[in-house]
């Protein structure tokens, strides 16, 4: 059944930002359940692999478990710079941030 022009039943706004796709959510849930139920078998199979294949698999899947290293380095650098600042420098920085936020 084709859409009719100016049909009031058409959702022109689309799906709300940040809402989950139902199919993706269901699929992720099923994969999670499959992994949980078969973890012992998966672990046994993993341990049977030679070391090179184990490392390849770990490398491939760690990106889904750990944040990218670059973001950690930036956060550590900012923390180091803040720790090296004296009270006056910190107050000046805070005032600049507040003034930037108030102009937006």
Protein backbone atom coordinates (compact mmCIF):
# COMPACT_ATOMS: atom_id res chain seq x y z
CA UNK A 1 0.00 0.00 0.00
CA UNK A 2 1.73 3.22 -1.16
CA UNK A 3 1.88 6.36 0.92
CA UNK A 4 -0.56 9.07 0.05
CA UNK A 5 0.53 12.67 -0.09
CA UNK A 6 -0.23 14.62 3.10
CA UNK A 7 -1.32 11.48 4.97
CA UNK A 8 -1.62 12.48 8.67
CA UNK A 9 -0.66 8.94 9.77
CA UNK A 10 2.92 9.26 8.45
CA UNK A 11 5.52 9.69 11.19
CA UNK A 12 7.49 12.64 9.85
CA UNK A 13 9.63 12.98 12.98
CA UNK A 14 11.13 9.49 12.63
CA UNK A 15 12.51 7.45 15.47
CA UNK A 16 13.59 9.55 18.48
CA UNK A 17 17.32 10.20 18.75
CA UNK A 18 19.07 7.62 20.92
CA UNK A 19 16.24 5.10 20.80
CA UNK A 20 17.26 1.50 20.25
CA UNK A 21 16.48 -0.39 17.07
CA UNK A 22 14.27 -3.30 18.23
CA UNK A 23 15.84 -5.84 15.85
CA UNK A 24 19.39 -4.91 16.89
CA UNK A 25 18.46 -5.01 20.57
CA UNK A 26 16.85 -8.44 20.21
CA UNK A 27 19.82 -9.79 18.25
CA UNK A 28 22.32 -8.51 20.80
CA UNK A 29 20.31 -10.09 23.60
CA UNK A 30 20.23 -13.46 21.80
CA UNK A 31 23.97 -13.37 21.10
CA UNK A 32 24.65 -12.51 24.74
CA UNK A 33 22.48 -15.40 25.93
CA UNK A 34 24.18 -17.78 23.48
CA UNK A 35 27.61 -16.73 24.72
CA UNK A 36 26.61 -17.06 28.37
CA UNK A 37 25.08 -20.51 27.91
CA UNK A 38 28.04 -21.85 25.91
CA UNK A 39 30.90 -20.06 27.62
CA UNK A 40 32.53 -23.25 28.91
CA UNK A 41 32.55 -24.79 25.42
CA UNK A 42 33.81 -21.59 23.83
CA UNK A 43 36.59 -21.32 26.39
CA UNK A 44 37.61 -24.97 25.86
CA UNK A 45 37.69 -24.48 22.08
CA UNK A 46 39.65 -21.26 22.50
CA UNK A 47 42.25 -23.02 24.66
CA UNK A 48 42.70 -25.72 22.00
CA UNK A 49 43.85 -23.12 19.45
CA UNK A 50 47.54 -22.46 18.90
CA UNK A 51 48.92 -19.28 20.47
CA UNK A 52 48.98 -17.28 17.22
CA UNK A 53 45.28 -17.87 16.56
CA UNK A 54 44.40 -17.09 20.19
CA UNK A 55 46.24 -13.76 19.97
CA UNK A 56 44.51 -12.93 16.69
CA UNK A 57 41.10 -13.59 18.22
CA UNK A 58 41.92 -11.60 21.37
CA UNK A 59 43.18 -8.68 19.32
CA UNK A 60 40.06 -8.72 17.16
CA UNK A 61 37.61 -8.73 20.07
CA UNK A 62 39.37 -6.58 22.68
CA UNK A 63 38.24 -3.45 20.85
CA UNK A 64 34.70 -4.32 21.93
CA UNK A 65 35.76 -4.57 25.60
CA UNK A 66 38.28 -1.77 26.07
CA UNK A 67 38.13 1.94 25.20
CA UNK A 68 40.55 3.17 22.55
CA UNK A 69 43.96 3.89 24.02
CA UNK A 70 44.10 7.36 22.50
CA UNK A 71 41.24 8.66 24.63
CA UNK A 72 42.95 7.35 27.78
CA UNK A 73 46.19 9.14 26.86
CA UNK A 74 44.40 12.45 26.35
CA UNK A 75 42.61 12.15 29.70
CA UNK A 76 45.87 11.30 31.48
CA UNK A 77 47.61 14.26 29.85
CA UNK A 78 44.84 16.67 30.90
CA UNK A 79 44.88 15.30 34.44
CA UNK A 80 48.68 15.77 34.61
CA UNK A 81 48.42 19.34 33.36
CA UNK A 82 45.69 20.17 35.86
CA UNK A 83 47.68 18.70 38.74
CA UNK A 84 50.65 20.92 37.81
CA UNK A 85 48.57 24.12 37.93
CA UNK A 86 48.51 26.35 41.00
CA UNK A 87 45.29 27.72 42.53
CA UNK A 88 45.42 31.00 40.60
CA UNK A 89 45.84 29.19 37.26
CA UNK A 90 42.98 26.82 38.11
CA UNK A 91 40.72 29.77 39.02
CA UNK A 92 41.56 31.52 35.74
CA UNK A 93 40.81 28.33 33.80
CA UNK A 94 37.50 27.89 35.61
CA UNK A 95 36.52 31.51 34.84
CA UNK A 96 37.33 31.01 31.14
CA UNK A 97 35.23 27.83 31.01
CA UNK A 98 32.32 29.54 32.74
CA UNK A 99 32.48 32.54 30.41
CA UNK A 100 32.59 30.24 27.36
CA UNK A 101 29.55 28.31 28.59
CA UNK A 102 27.61 31.49 29.30
CA UNK A 103 28.16 32.83 25.76
CA UNK A 104 26.77 29.68 24.14
